[in-house]
Amino acid sequence: MGSKGIAWMLICCAVLFLGCGDDLEIGTSKKEGLRIGKGDESPLRFGVRSGGGVGGSRRVEETTVEGNIFNLRPATSRPIAVFVFVDLRDPGTFQEFRDAEVGIIKDDRTFAVSHLAAGDLTIVFLLDQVGVNQDGTIDPSDPIAVFTDTAERLKNLSADTAVILEDVDLTFNLVSPSAGVAAVQSEANIIVTQLEVEASDSPR
């Protein structure tokens, strides 16, 4: 191959590399990526902010949800994912929502999910399958537990809020997969801090 052919090949490789961008999914294709539900059109990516404002500017999406698991039943070594939905409109099927992010419960039983938009938050814990069925997807046969927010502390949050859930009791129901329970002992275990917008960012 001549020098011109080698130069042309290097240019093509550079274009392909730069075209990858920052939308890296978990997995090697859309079907294998971590996503909500079975639709190929709703992949959830780690660490990628969604949305955008007028003229290409992004919305503020800085709300975070973090916490720790105090009791876990049944004891399991299977991976547990934490989905946080914004303005979820179809609990149970998890296909209609305005924004969502996902994290994994770590070995020390802590979790953190960030880059969430403003709105009503719904937190869902997923006990994922193992082996070839471990796909990070909420399937009908997967045990889930929706966090109980009886006082509606997670409603109408700004896009710059810190939420801490201390000592969550998490119980999955292996017989009835959708009947799991995630709750805290007291409302004091739900700490919601609305961060103030700096004066320089306020309208004049």
N, C-alpha and C. Protein backbone atom coordinates (compact mmCIF):
# COMPACT_ATOMS: atom_id res chain seq x y z
N MET A 1 0.85 -1.19 0.00
CA MET A 1 0.00 0.00 0.00
C MET A 1 0.89 1.24 0.00
N GLY A 2 0.56 2.23 -0.88
CA GLY A 2 1.37 3.43 -0.98
C GLY A 2 1.15 4.36 0.18
N SER A 3 1.97 5.43 0.22
CA SER A 3 1.86 6.40 1.32
C SER A 3 0.52 7.10 1.32
N LYS A 4 -0.04 7.35 0.11
CA LYS A 4 -1.36 8.00 0.05
C LYS A 4 -2.44 7.10 0.63
N GLY A 5 -2.35 5.79 0.36
CA GLY A 5 -3.34 4.84 0.90
C GLY A 5 -3.27 4.77 2.41
N ILE A 6 -2.06 4.76 2.96
CA ILE A 6 -1.91 4.73 4.42
C ILE A 6 -2.46 6.00 5.05
N ALA A 7 -2.18 7.14 4.44
CA ALA A 7 -2.69 8.42 4.97
C ALA A 7 -4.20 8.44 4.96
N TRP A 8 -4.80 7.95 3.89
CA TRP A 8 -6.27 7.92 3.79
C TRP A 8 -6.87 7.02 4.87
N MET A 9 -6.23 5.88 5.14
CA MET A 9 -6.72 4.96 6.17
C MET A 9 -6.65 5.61 7.55
N LEU A 10 -5.58 6.35 7.84
CA LEU A 10 -5.44 7.03 9.13
C LEU A 10 -6.51 8.09 9.31
N ILE A 11 -6.84 8.81 8.23
CA ILE A 11 -7.90 9.83 8.31
C ILE A 11 -9.24 9.20 8.62
N CYS A 12 -9.55 8.08 7.97
CA CYS A 12 -10.83 7.39 8.21
C CYS A 12 -10.93 6.91 9.66
N CYS A 13 -9.82 6.35 10.19
CA CYS A 13 -9.82 5.88 11.58
C CYS A 13 -10.05 7.03 12.54
N ALA A 14 -9.43 8.19 12.25
CA ALA A 14 -9.59 9.35 13.13
C ALA A 14 -11.02 9.83 13.14
N VAL A 15 -11.68 9.85 11.96
CA VAL A 15 -13.08 10.29 11.88
C VAL A 15 -13.97 9.37 12.67
N LEU A 16 -13.75 8.05 12.54
CA LEU A 16 -14.56 7.08 13.28
C LEU A 16 -14.37 7.24 14.77
N PHE A 17 -13.14 7.48 15.21
CA PHE A 17 -12.85 7.64 16.64
C PHE A 17 -13.53 8.87 17.20
N LEU A 18 -13.43 10.00 16.49
CA LEU A 18 -14.03 11.24 16.97
C LEU A 18 -15.54 11.19 16.94
N GLY A 19 -16.10 10.35 16.07
CA GLY A 19 -17.56 10.28 15.95
C GLY A 19 -18.21 9.49 17.05
N CYS A 20 -17.41 8.81 17.90
CA CYS A 20 -17.99 7.99 18.95
C CYS A 20 -18.66 8.84 20.01
N GLY A 21 -18.13 10.04 20.31
CA GLY A 21 -18.75 10.92 21.29
C GLY A 21 -18.73 10.34 22.68
N ASP A 22 -19.65 10.83 23.55
CA ASP A 22 -19.65 10.39 24.94
C ASP A 22 -20.88 9.59 25.30
N ASP A 23 -21.58 9.03 24.30
CA ASP A 23 -22.79 8.27 24.56
C ASP A 23 -22.48 6.79 24.68
N LEU A 24 -21.53 6.45 25.52
CA LEU A 24 -21.12 5.06 25.69
C LEU A 24 -22.15 4.32 26.52
N GLU A 25 -22.68 3.23 25.99
CA GLU A 25 -23.66 2.43 26.70
C GLU A 25 -22.98 1.26 27.40
N ILE A 26 -23.65 0.72 28.40
CA ILE A 26 -23.19 -0.52 29.00
C ILE A 26 -23.56 -1.64 28.05
N GLY A 27 -22.61 -2.40 27.58
CA GLY A 27 -22.89 -3.42 26.58
C GLY A 27 -22.30 -3.01 25.24
N THR A 28 -22.45 -3.86 24.25
CA THR A 28 -21.83 -3.60 22.96
C THR A 28 -22.83 -3.19 21.89
N SER A 29 -24.11 -3.18 22.20
CA SER A 29 -25.11 -2.75 21.23
C SER A 29 -26.32 -2.26 21.98
N LYS A 30 -27.29 -1.71 21.24
CA LYS A 30 -28.50 -1.22 21.89
C LYS A 30 -29.23 -2.34 22.62
N LYS A 31 -29.28 -3.51 22.02
CA LYS A 31 -30.02 -4.60 22.63
C LYS A 31 -29.35 -5.11 23.89
N GLU A 32 -28.02 -4.91 24.00
CA GLU A 32 -27.30 -5.40 25.16
C GLU A 32 -27.08 -4.32 26.20
N GLY A 33 -27.42 -3.06 25.88
CA GLY A 33 -27.18 -1.95 26.79
C GLY A 33 -28.13 -1.95 27.98
N LEU A 34 -27.71 -1.29 29.05
CA LEU A 34 -28.56 -1.19 30.22
C LEU A 34 -29.70 -0.25 29.91
N ARG A 35 -30.94 -0.72 30.04
CA ARG A 35 -32.08 0.07 29.62
C ARG A 35 -33.28 -0.26 30.47
N ILE A 36 -34.33 0.55 30.34
CA ILE A 36 -35.57 0.33 31.06
C ILE A 36 -36.55 -0.34 30.13
N GLY A 37 -37.16 -1.42 30.60
CA GLY A 37 -38.15 -2.11 29.78
C GLY A 37 -37.49 -2.86 28.63
N LYS A 38 -38.32 -3.36 27.73
CA LYS A 38 -37.82 -4.19 26.64
C LYS A 38 -37.65 -3.42 25.34
N GLY A 39 -38.08 -2.16 25.29
CA GLY A 39 -37.98 -1.40 24.05
C GLY A 39 -36.55 -1.03 23.72
N ASP A 40 -36.17 -1.14 22.44
CA ASP A 40 -34.82 -0.80 22.02
C ASP A 40 -34.62 0.70 21.93
N GLU A 41 -35.69 1.48 22.08
CA GLU A 41 -35.59 2.92 21.88
C GLU A 41 -35.38 3.69 23.19
N SER A 42 -35.22 3.00 24.32
CA SER A 42 -35.07 3.72 25.59
C SER A 42 -33.86 3.25 26.39
N PRO A 43 -32.64 3.31 25.78
CA PRO A 43 -31.46 2.89 26.54
C PRO A 43 -31.13 3.88 27.64
N LEU A 44 -30.71 3.36 28.77
CA LEU A 44 -30.26 4.22 29.87
C LEU A 44 -28.75 4.15 29.93
N ARG A 45 -28.09 5.29 29.87
CA ARG A 45 -26.64 5.31 29.91
C ARG A 45 -26.15 5.79 31.26
N PHE A 46 -25.00 5.27 31.68
CA PHE A 46 -24.38 5.74 32.90
C PHE A 46 -23.69 7.08 32.64
N GLY A 47 -23.95 8.06 33.51
CA GLY A 47 -23.18 9.29 33.49
C GLY A 47 -23.45 10.20 32.32
N VAL A 48 -24.54 10.01 31.61
CA VAL A 48 -24.84 10.87 30.47
C VAL A 48 -26.07 11.70 30.80
N ARG A 49 -25.98 13.00 30.64
CA ARG A 49 -27.11 13.87 30.92
C ARG A 49 -28.03 13.92 29.71
N SER A 50 -29.33 13.91 29.97
CA SER A 50 -30.28 13.98 28.88
C SER A 50 -30.84 15.39 28.78
N GLY A 51 -31.53 15.63 27.69
CA GLY A 51 -32.23 16.91 27.54
C GLY A 51 -31.34 18.03 27.05
N GLY A 52 -31.96 19.19 26.87
CA GLY A 52 -31.23 20.36 26.42
C GLY A 52 -32.17 21.53 26.32
N GLY A 53 -31.67 22.73 26.41
CA GLY A 53 -32.51 23.90 26.39
C GLY A 53 -32.47 24.60 25.05
N VAL A 54 -32.95 25.83 25.03
CA VAL A 54 -32.98 26.62 23.81
C VAL A 54 -31.56 26.90 23.35
N GLY A 55 -31.35 26.80 22.05
CA GLY A 55 -30.03 27.08 21.51
C GLY A 55 -28.98 26.06 21.89
N GLY A 56 -29.41 24.84 22.26
CA GLY A 56 -28.46 23.79 22.57
C GLY A 56 -27.97 23.81 24.00
N SER A 57 -28.40 24.77 24.82
CA SER A 57 -27.97 24.81 26.22
C SER A 57 -28.68 23.72 27.00
N ARG A 58 -27.99 23.12 27.97
CA ARG A 58 -28.58 22.03 28.74
C ARG A 58 -29.40 22.56 29.92
N ARG A 59 -30.45 21.78 30.26
CA ARG A 59 -31.17 22.06 31.49
C ARG A 59 -30.26 21.75 32.66
N VAL A 60 -30.55 22.36 33.80
CA VAL A 60 -29.84 21.99 35.02
C VAL A 60 -30.34 20.62 35.45
N GLU A 61 -29.46 19.66 35.58
CA GLU A 61 -29.82 18.29 35.98
C GLU A 61 -28.81 17.81 36.99
N GLU A 62 -28.86 18.40 38.16
CA GLU A 62 -27.85 18.13 39.16
C GLU A 62 -28.39 17.49 40.43
N THR A 63 -29.66 17.06 40.42
CA THR A 63 -30.19 16.38 41.60
C THR A 63 -29.51 15.02 41.78
N THR A 64 -29.21 14.69 43.01
CA THR A 64 -28.58 13.40 43.33
C THR A 64 -29.41 12.65 44.36
N VAL A 65 -29.39 11.34 44.27
CA VAL A 65 -30.02 10.46 45.26
C VAL A 65 -28.96 9.47 45.73
N GLU A 66 -28.71 9.44 47.02
CA GLU A 66 -27.75 8.48 47.55
C GLU A 66 -28.27 7.91 48.86
N GLY A 67 -27.68 6.82 49.28
CA GLY A 67 -28.12 6.21 50.53
C GLY A 67 -27.42 4.90 50.79
N ASN A 68 -27.98 4.14 51.72
CA ASN A 68 -27.40 2.84 52.06
C ASN A 68 -28.50 1.86 52.44
N ILE A 69 -28.21 0.59 52.23
CA ILE A 69 -29.14 -0.48 52.58
C ILE A 69 -28.79 -0.99 53.97
N PHE A 70 -29.78 -1.00 54.87
CA PHE A 70 -29.56 -1.46 56.24
C PHE A 70 -29.88 -2.95 56.36
N ASN A 71 -31.08 -3.34 55.95
CA ASN A 71 -31.47 -4.75 55.93
C ASN A 71 -31.79 -5.16 54.50
N LEU A 72 -31.28 -6.33 54.10
CA LEU A 72 -31.54 -6.86 52.76
C LEU A 72 -32.09 -8.28 52.89
N ARG A 73 -33.29 -8.48 52.37
CA ARG A 73 -33.94 -9.79 52.44
C ARG A 73 -34.48 -10.14 51.05
N PRO A 74 -34.26 -11.38 50.60
CA PRO A 74 -33.35 -12.37 51.19
C PRO A 74 -31.89 -11.99 50.91
N ALA A 75 -30.99 -12.57 51.69
CA ALA A 75 -29.56 -12.33 51.44
C ALA A 75 -29.22 -12.86 50.06
N THR A 76 -28.49 -12.07 49.30
CA THR A 76 -28.20 -12.46 47.93
C THR A 76 -26.89 -11.84 47.47
N SER A 77 -26.24 -12.51 46.54
CA SER A 77 -25.04 -11.95 45.92
C SER A 77 -25.34 -11.46 44.50
N ARG A 78 -26.60 -11.55 44.11
CA ARG A 78 -26.99 -11.08 42.78
C ARG A 78 -26.90 -9.56 42.72
N PRO A 79 -26.62 -9.00 41.55
CA PRO A 79 -26.52 -7.54 41.43
C PRO A 79 -27.85 -6.86 41.66
N ILE A 80 -27.82 -5.71 42.34
CA ILE A 80 -29.02 -4.92 42.60
C ILE A 80 -28.83 -3.54 41.99
N ALA A 81 -29.73 -3.17 41.09
CA ALA A 81 -29.68 -1.86 40.45
C ALA A 81 -30.67 -0.92 41.11
N VAL A 82 -30.35 0.38 41.05
CA VAL A 82 -31.23 1.42 41.60
C VAL A 82 -31.62 2.34 40.45
N PHE A 83 -32.89 2.32 40.08
CA PHE A 83 -33.42 3.20 39.05
C PHE A 83 -34.10 4.39 39.71
N VAL A 84 -33.82 5.60 39.24
CA VAL A 84 -34.53 6.78 39.71
C VAL A 84 -35.20 7.43 38.51
N PHE A 85 -36.53 7.44 38.53
CA PHE A 85 -37.33 8.01 37.44
C PHE A 85 -37.81 9.40 37.82
N VAL A 86 -37.87 10.29 36.84
CA VAL A 86 -38.45 11.63 37.03
C VAL A 86 -39.78 11.66 36.29
N ASP A 87 -40.84 11.99 37.03
CA ASP A 87 -42.20 12.07 36.46
C ASP A 87 -42.60 10.77 35.77
N LEU A 88 -42.49 9.67 36.50
CA LEU A 88 -42.91 8.37 35.99
C LEU A 88 -44.42 8.34 35.84
N ARG A 89 -44.90 7.98 34.66
CA ARG A 89 -46.34 8.01 34.39
C ARG A 89 -46.97 6.62 34.33
N ASP A 90 -46.17 5.58 34.35
CA ASP A 90 -46.74 4.22 34.25
C ASP A 90 -46.03 3.26 35.19
N PRO A 91 -46.23 3.41 36.50
CA PRO A 91 -45.62 2.47 37.45
C PRO A 91 -46.01 1.03 37.10
N GLY A 92 -45.04 0.16 37.09
CA GLY A 92 -45.31 -1.23 36.76
C GLY A 92 -44.74 -1.64 35.42
N THR A 93 -44.84 -0.74 34.43
CA THR A 93 -44.25 -1.05 33.12
C THR A 93 -42.99 -0.23 32.87
N PHE A 94 -42.88 0.93 33.51
CA PHE A 94 -41.65 1.73 33.50
C PHE A 94 -41.19 2.10 32.08
N GLN A 95 -42.12 2.56 31.28
CA GLN A 95 -41.79 2.97 29.92
C GLN A 95 -42.01 4.45 29.67
N GLU A 96 -42.89 5.09 30.46
CA GLU A 96 -43.24 6.48 30.23
C GLU A 96 -42.72 7.35 31.37
N PHE A 97 -41.72 8.15 31.09
CA PHE A 97 -41.12 9.01 32.10
C PHE A 97 -40.40 10.15 31.39
N ARG A 98 -40.11 11.22 32.12
CA ARG A 98 -39.45 12.38 31.52
C ARG A 98 -37.93 12.26 31.56
N ASP A 99 -37.41 11.63 32.59
CA ASP A 99 -35.97 11.50 32.74
C ASP A 99 -35.71 10.31 33.66
N ALA A 100 -34.52 9.73 33.58
CA ALA A 100 -34.18 8.61 34.47
C ALA A 100 -32.68 8.40 34.46
N GLU A 101 -32.19 7.91 35.59
CA GLU A 101 -30.79 7.52 35.70
C GLU A 101 -30.74 6.24 36.53
N VAL A 102 -29.60 5.58 36.51
CA VAL A 102 -29.49 4.29 37.19
C VAL A 102 -28.11 4.14 37.82
N GLY A 103 -28.07 3.42 38.92
CA GLY A 103 -26.81 3.11 39.60
C GLY A 103 -26.85 1.68 40.11
N ILE A 104 -25.77 1.26 40.73
CA ILE A 104 -25.66 -0.10 41.26
C ILE A 104 -25.34 -0.02 42.75
N ILE A 105 -25.96 -0.90 43.55
CA ILE A 105 -25.62 -0.98 44.97
C ILE A 105 -24.24 -1.62 45.08
N LYS A 106 -23.35 -0.94 45.77
CA LYS A 106 -21.97 -1.41 45.89
C LYS A 106 -21.84 -2.50 46.96
N ASP A 107 -20.65 -3.06 47.06
CA ASP A 107 -20.41 -4.12 48.03
C ASP A 107 -20.62 -3.65 49.47
N ASP A 108 -20.40 -2.36 49.73
CA ASP A 108 -20.62 -1.84 51.08
C ASP A 108 -22.07 -1.41 51.31
N ARG A 109 -22.95 -1.76 50.36
CA ARG A 109 -24.39 -1.50 50.42
C ARG A 109 -24.76 -0.02 50.28
N THR A 110 -23.90 0.76 49.72
CA THR A 110 -24.22 2.16 49.43
C THR A 110 -24.57 2.29 47.95
N PHE A 111 -25.28 3.38 47.63
CA PHE A 111 -25.62 3.64 46.23
C PHE A 111 -25.69 5.14 46.01
N ALA A 112 -25.51 5.55 44.77
CA ALA A 112 -25.59 6.96 44.40
C ALA A 112 -26.04 7.06 42.95
N VAL A 113 -27.02 7.94 42.71
CA VAL A 113 -27.52 8.19 41.36
C VAL A 113 -27.55 9.70 41.17
N SER A 114 -26.96 10.19 40.10
CA SER A 114 -26.84 11.64 39.91
C SER A 114 -27.37 12.07 38.55
N HIS A 115 -27.27 13.39 38.30
CA HIS A 115 -27.68 14.01 37.03
C HIS A 115 -29.17 13.83 36.76
N LEU A 116 -29.99 14.07 37.78
CA LEU A 116 -31.45 13.96 37.63
C LEU A 116 -32.07 15.34 37.42
N ALA A 117 -33.12 15.37 36.62
CA ALA A 117 -33.82 16.62 36.32
C ALA A 117 -34.84 16.93 37.42
N ALA A 118 -35.47 18.10 37.33
CA ALA A 118 -36.49 18.50 38.29
C ALA A 118 -37.77 17.68 38.08
N GLY A 119 -38.54 17.49 39.17
CA GLY A 119 -39.81 16.79 39.07
C GLY A 119 -40.06 15.86 40.24
N ASP A 120 -40.96 14.91 40.02
CA ASP A 120 -41.31 13.92 41.04
C ASP A 120 -40.43 12.68 40.84
N LEU A 121 -39.76 12.25 41.92
CA LEU A 121 -38.85 11.11 41.82
C LEU A 121 -39.53 9.82 42.27
N THR A 122 -39.27 8.75 41.54
CA THR A 122 -39.69 7.40 41.92
C THR A 122 -38.45 6.53 41.91
N ILE A 123 -38.18 5.86 43.04
CA ILE A 123 -36.97 5.05 43.17
C ILE A 123 -37.35 3.57 43.16
N VAL A 124 -36.73 2.83 42.27
CA VAL A 124 -37.05 1.41 42.10
C VAL A 124 -35.77 0.59 42.23
N PHE A 125 -35.80 -0.41 43.10
CA PHE A 125 -34.67 -1.33 43.27
C PHE A 125 -34.96 -2.59 42.47
N LEU A 126 -33.98 -3.03 41.71
CA LEU A 126 -34.13 -4.21 40.85
C LEU A 126 -33.15 -5.29 41.28
N LEU A 127 -33.66 -6.46 41.59
CA LEU A 127 -32.82 -7.64 41.85
C LEU A 127 -32.63 -8.34 40.52
N ASP A 128 -31.51 -8.07 39.87
CA ASP A 128 -31.31 -8.56 38.52
C ASP A 128 -31.00 -10.06 38.51
N GLN A 129 -31.22 -10.67 37.36
CA GLN A 129 -30.94 -12.08 37.21
C GLN A 129 -29.43 -12.30 37.10
N VAL A 130 -29.03 -13.54 36.98
CA VAL A 130 -27.61 -13.87 36.85
C VAL A 130 -27.37 -14.50 35.49
N GLY A 131 -26.10 -14.60 35.13
CA GLY A 131 -25.73 -15.25 33.87
C GLY A 131 -26.23 -14.49 32.67
N VAL A 132 -26.76 -15.21 31.70
CA VAL A 132 -27.20 -14.59 30.44
C VAL A 132 -28.42 -13.69 30.65
N ASN A 133 -29.15 -13.87 31.76
CA ASN A 133 -30.33 -13.05 32.03
C ASN A 133 -30.00 -11.78 32.81
N GLN A 134 -28.73 -11.55 33.12
CA GLN A 134 -28.33 -10.34 33.82
C GLN A 134 -28.17 -9.22 32.79
N ASP A 135 -29.25 -8.46 32.58
CA ASP A 135 -29.25 -7.46 31.51
C ASP A 135 -29.53 -6.05 32.01
N GLY A 136 -29.65 -5.85 33.33
CA GLY A 136 -29.91 -4.52 33.83
C GLY A 136 -31.25 -3.96 33.41
N THR A 137 -32.17 -4.83 33.07
CA THR A 137 -33.48 -4.42 32.55
C THR A 137 -34.58 -4.85 33.51
N ILE A 138 -35.57 -3.98 33.70
CA ILE A 138 -36.71 -4.35 34.53
C ILE A 138 -37.66 -5.20 33.69
N ASP A 139 -37.60 -6.50 33.88
CA ASP A 139 -38.48 -7.44 33.18
C ASP A 139 -39.60 -7.88 34.12
N PRO A 140 -40.73 -8.33 33.58
CA PRO A 140 -41.86 -8.74 34.44
C PRO A 140 -41.50 -9.80 35.47
N SER A 141 -40.53 -10.65 35.17
CA SER A 141 -40.18 -11.74 36.10
C SER A 141 -39.12 -11.33 37.11
N ASP A 142 -38.58 -10.12 36.99
CA ASP A 142 -37.54 -9.67 37.91
C ASP A 142 -38.13 -9.10 39.19
N PRO A 143 -37.63 -9.52 40.35
CA PRO A 143 -38.10 -8.93 41.61
C PRO A 143 -37.71 -7.46 41.70
N ILE A 144 -38.68 -6.61 42.03
CA ILE A 144 -38.42 -5.18 42.21
C ILE A 144 -39.03 -4.72 43.52
N ALA A 145 -38.57 -3.56 43.99
CA ALA A 145 -39.14 -2.94 45.19
C ALA A 145 -39.16 -1.43 44.95
N VAL A 146 -40.35 -0.84 45.00
CA VAL A 146 -40.50 0.60 44.82
C VAL A 146 -40.41 1.27 46.19
N PHE A 147 -39.57 2.28 46.28
CA PHE A 147 -39.36 2.95 47.57
C PHE A 147 -40.64 3.64 48.02
N THR A 148 -40.98 3.44 49.30
CA THR A 148 -42.18 4.01 49.88
C THR A 148 -41.94 5.45 50.31
N ASP A 149 -42.71 6.37 49.74
CA ASP A 149 -42.58 7.80 50.03
C ASP A 149 -43.94 8.33 50.48
N THR A 150 -44.39 7.86 51.64
CA THR A 150 -45.73 8.18 52.10
C THR A 150 -45.94 9.68 52.35
N ALA A 151 -44.91 10.38 52.77
CA ALA A 151 -45.04 11.81 53.04
C ALA A 151 -44.77 12.66 51.80
N GLU A 152 -44.51 12.00 50.68
CA GLU A 152 -44.26 12.68 49.40
C GLU A 152 -43.11 13.68 49.51
N ARG A 153 -42.05 13.26 50.15
CA ARG A 153 -40.86 14.09 50.27
C ARG A 153 -40.12 14.21 48.95
N LEU A 154 -40.37 13.28 48.04
CA LEU A 154 -39.64 13.25 46.78
C LEU A 154 -40.45 13.83 45.62
N LYS A 155 -41.46 14.62 45.94
CA LYS A 155 -42.30 15.24 44.93
C LYS A 155 -41.88 16.69 44.69
N ASN A 156 -42.02 17.11 43.43
CA ASN A 156 -41.82 18.51 43.04
C ASN A 156 -40.46 19.04 43.47
N LEU A 157 -39.43 18.28 43.21
CA LEU A 157 -38.07 18.70 43.57
C LEU A 157 -37.47 19.56 42.47
N SER A 158 -36.58 20.44 42.86
CA SER A 158 -35.85 21.24 41.87
C SER A 158 -34.81 20.36 41.21
N ALA A 159 -34.12 20.91 40.20
CA ALA A 159 -33.10 20.15 39.49
C ALA A 159 -31.74 20.27 40.15
N ASP A 160 -31.71 20.79 41.37
CA ASP A 160 -30.45 20.93 42.10
C ASP A 160 -30.70 20.58 43.57
N THR A 161 -31.08 19.32 43.78
CA THR A 161 -31.49 18.84 45.10
C THR A 161 -30.63 17.64 45.51
N ALA A 162 -30.29 17.58 46.79
CA ALA A 162 -29.57 16.43 47.32
C ALA A 162 -30.53 15.60 48.17
N VAL A 163 -30.69 14.33 47.82
CA VAL A 163 -31.57 13.41 48.56
C VAL A 163 -30.71 12.31 49.16
N ILE A 164 -30.86 12.12 50.47
CA ILE A 164 -30.15 11.05 51.16
C ILE A 164 -31.17 10.13 51.82
N LEU A 165 -31.07 8.84 51.55
CA LEU A 165 -31.94 7.83 52.17
C LEU A 165 -31.08 7.00 53.11
N GLU A 166 -31.28 7.20 54.40
CA GLU A 166 -30.46 6.52 55.39
C GLU A 166 -31.10 5.23 55.85
N ASP A 167 -30.34 4.14 55.80
CA ASP A 167 -30.76 2.85 56.36
C ASP A 167 -32.07 2.35 55.76
N VAL A 168 -32.02 2.04 54.46
CA VAL A 168 -33.19 1.52 53.77
C VAL A 168 -33.35 0.03 54.06
N ASP A 169 -34.55 -0.38 54.45
CA ASP A 169 -34.88 -1.80 54.59
C ASP A 169 -35.42 -2.27 53.24
N LEU A 170 -34.71 -3.20 52.62
CA LEU A 170 -35.04 -3.65 51.26
C LEU A 170 -35.40 -5.13 51.28
N THR A 171 -36.63 -5.42 50.89
CA THR A 171 -37.11 -6.80 50.87
C THR A 171 -37.68 -7.13 49.50
N PHE A 172 -37.12 -8.15 48.86
CA PHE A 172 -37.63 -8.61 47.57
C PHE A 172 -38.55 -9.81 47.80
N ASN A 173 -39.59 -9.92 46.97
CA ASN A 173 -40.52 -11.04 47.04
C ASN A 173 -40.28 -11.93 45.83
N LEU A 174 -39.65 -13.08 46.05
CA LEU A 174 -39.29 -13.96 44.94
C LEU A 174 -40.50 -14.69 44.38
N VAL A 175 -41.57 -14.79 45.15
CA VAL A 175 -42.79 -15.46 44.68
C VAL A 175 -43.64 -14.50 43.86
N SER A 176 -43.77 -13.27 44.35
CA SER A 176 -44.53 -12.23 43.65
C SER A 176 -43.56 -11.09 43.34
N PRO A 177 -42.90 -11.11 42.19
CA PRO A 177 -41.78 -10.21 41.90
C PRO A 177 -42.07 -8.73 42.06
N SER A 178 -43.30 -8.29 41.82
CA SER A 178 -43.61 -6.87 41.90
C SER A 178 -44.01 -6.41 43.29
N ALA A 179 -44.00 -7.32 44.27
CA ALA A 179 -44.49 -7.01 45.61
C ALA A 179 -43.38 -6.72 46.61
N GLY A 180 -42.19 -6.40 46.13
CA GLY A 180 -41.10 -6.07 47.05
C GLY A 180 -41.35 -4.77 47.79
N VAL A 181 -40.61 -4.57 48.88
CA VAL A 181 -40.81 -3.39 49.72
C VAL A 181 -39.46 -2.72 49.99
N ALA A 182 -39.41 -1.39 49.83
CA ALA A 182 -38.23 -0.60 50.19
C ALA A 182 -38.72 0.59 51.00
N ALA A 183 -38.24 0.70 52.23
CA ALA A 183 -38.75 1.75 53.12
C ALA A 183 -37.69 2.08 54.17
N VAL A 184 -37.89 3.21 54.84
CA VAL A 184 -37.04 3.60 55.96
C VAL A 184 -37.88 3.58 57.23
N GLN A 185 -37.22 3.52 58.38
CA GLN A 185 -37.93 3.43 59.65
C GLN A 185 -38.67 4.71 60.00
N SER A 186 -38.12 5.85 59.58
CA SER A 186 -38.70 7.13 59.97
C SER A 186 -38.51 8.14 58.85
N GLU A 187 -39.39 9.15 58.80
CA GLU A 187 -39.23 10.21 57.82
C GLU A 187 -37.92 10.97 58.03
N ALA A 188 -37.39 10.89 59.25
CA ALA A 188 -36.10 11.54 59.52
C ALA A 188 -34.97 10.90 58.74
N ASN A 189 -35.19 9.68 58.24
CA ASN A 189 -34.18 9.00 57.44
C ASN A 189 -34.17 9.47 55.98
N ILE A 190 -35.12 10.32 55.62
CA ILE A 190 -35.16 10.90 54.28
C ILE A 190 -34.74 12.36 54.40
N ILE A 191 -33.56 12.66 53.93
CA ILE A 191 -33.02 14.02 54.04
C ILE A 191 -33.01 14.65 52.66
N VAL A 192 -33.81 15.71 52.50
CA VAL A 192 -33.94 16.40 51.22
C VAL A 192 -33.43 17.82 51.38
N THR A 193 -32.41 18.17 50.63
CA THR A 193 -31.82 19.50 50.72
C THR A 193 -31.94 20.19 49.37
N GLN A 194 -32.80 21.20 49.32
CA GLN A 194 -32.94 22.00 48.09
C GLN A 194 -31.82 23.03 48.08
N LEU A 195 -30.92 22.93 47.13
CA LEU A 195 -29.80 23.85 47.05
C LEU A 195 -30.26 25.17 46.45
N GLU A 196 -29.76 26.27 47.01
CA GLU A 196 -30.18 27.59 46.56
C GLU A 196 -29.47 27.97 45.27
N VAL A 197 -30.21 28.63 44.38
CA VAL A 197 -29.62 29.14 43.15
C VAL A 197 -28.87 30.42 43.48
N GLU A 198 -27.64 30.54 42.97
CA GLU A 198 -26.84 31.72 43.25
C GLU A 198 -27.48 32.97 42.65
N ALA A 199 -27.26 34.09 43.32
CA ALA A 199 -27.87 35.34 42.90
C ALA A 199 -27.53 35.69 41.46
N SER A 200 -26.31 35.35 41.03
CA SER A 200 -25.86 35.70 39.69
C SER A 200 -26.63 34.93 38.61
N ASP A 201 -27.29 33.81 39.04
CA ASP A 201 -28.05 33.01 38.08
C ASP A 201 -29.51 33.39 38.04
N SER A 202 -29.95 34.25 38.93
CA SER A 202 -31.37 34.63 39.01
C SER A 202 -31.69 35.66 37.93
N PRO A 203 -32.97 35.67 37.47
CA PRO A 203 -33.37 36.65 36.45
C PRO A 203 -33.23 38.07 36.96
N ARG A 204 -32.88 38.98 36.09
CA ARG A 204 -32.76 40.37 36.45
C ARG A 204 -33.97 41.16 36.02
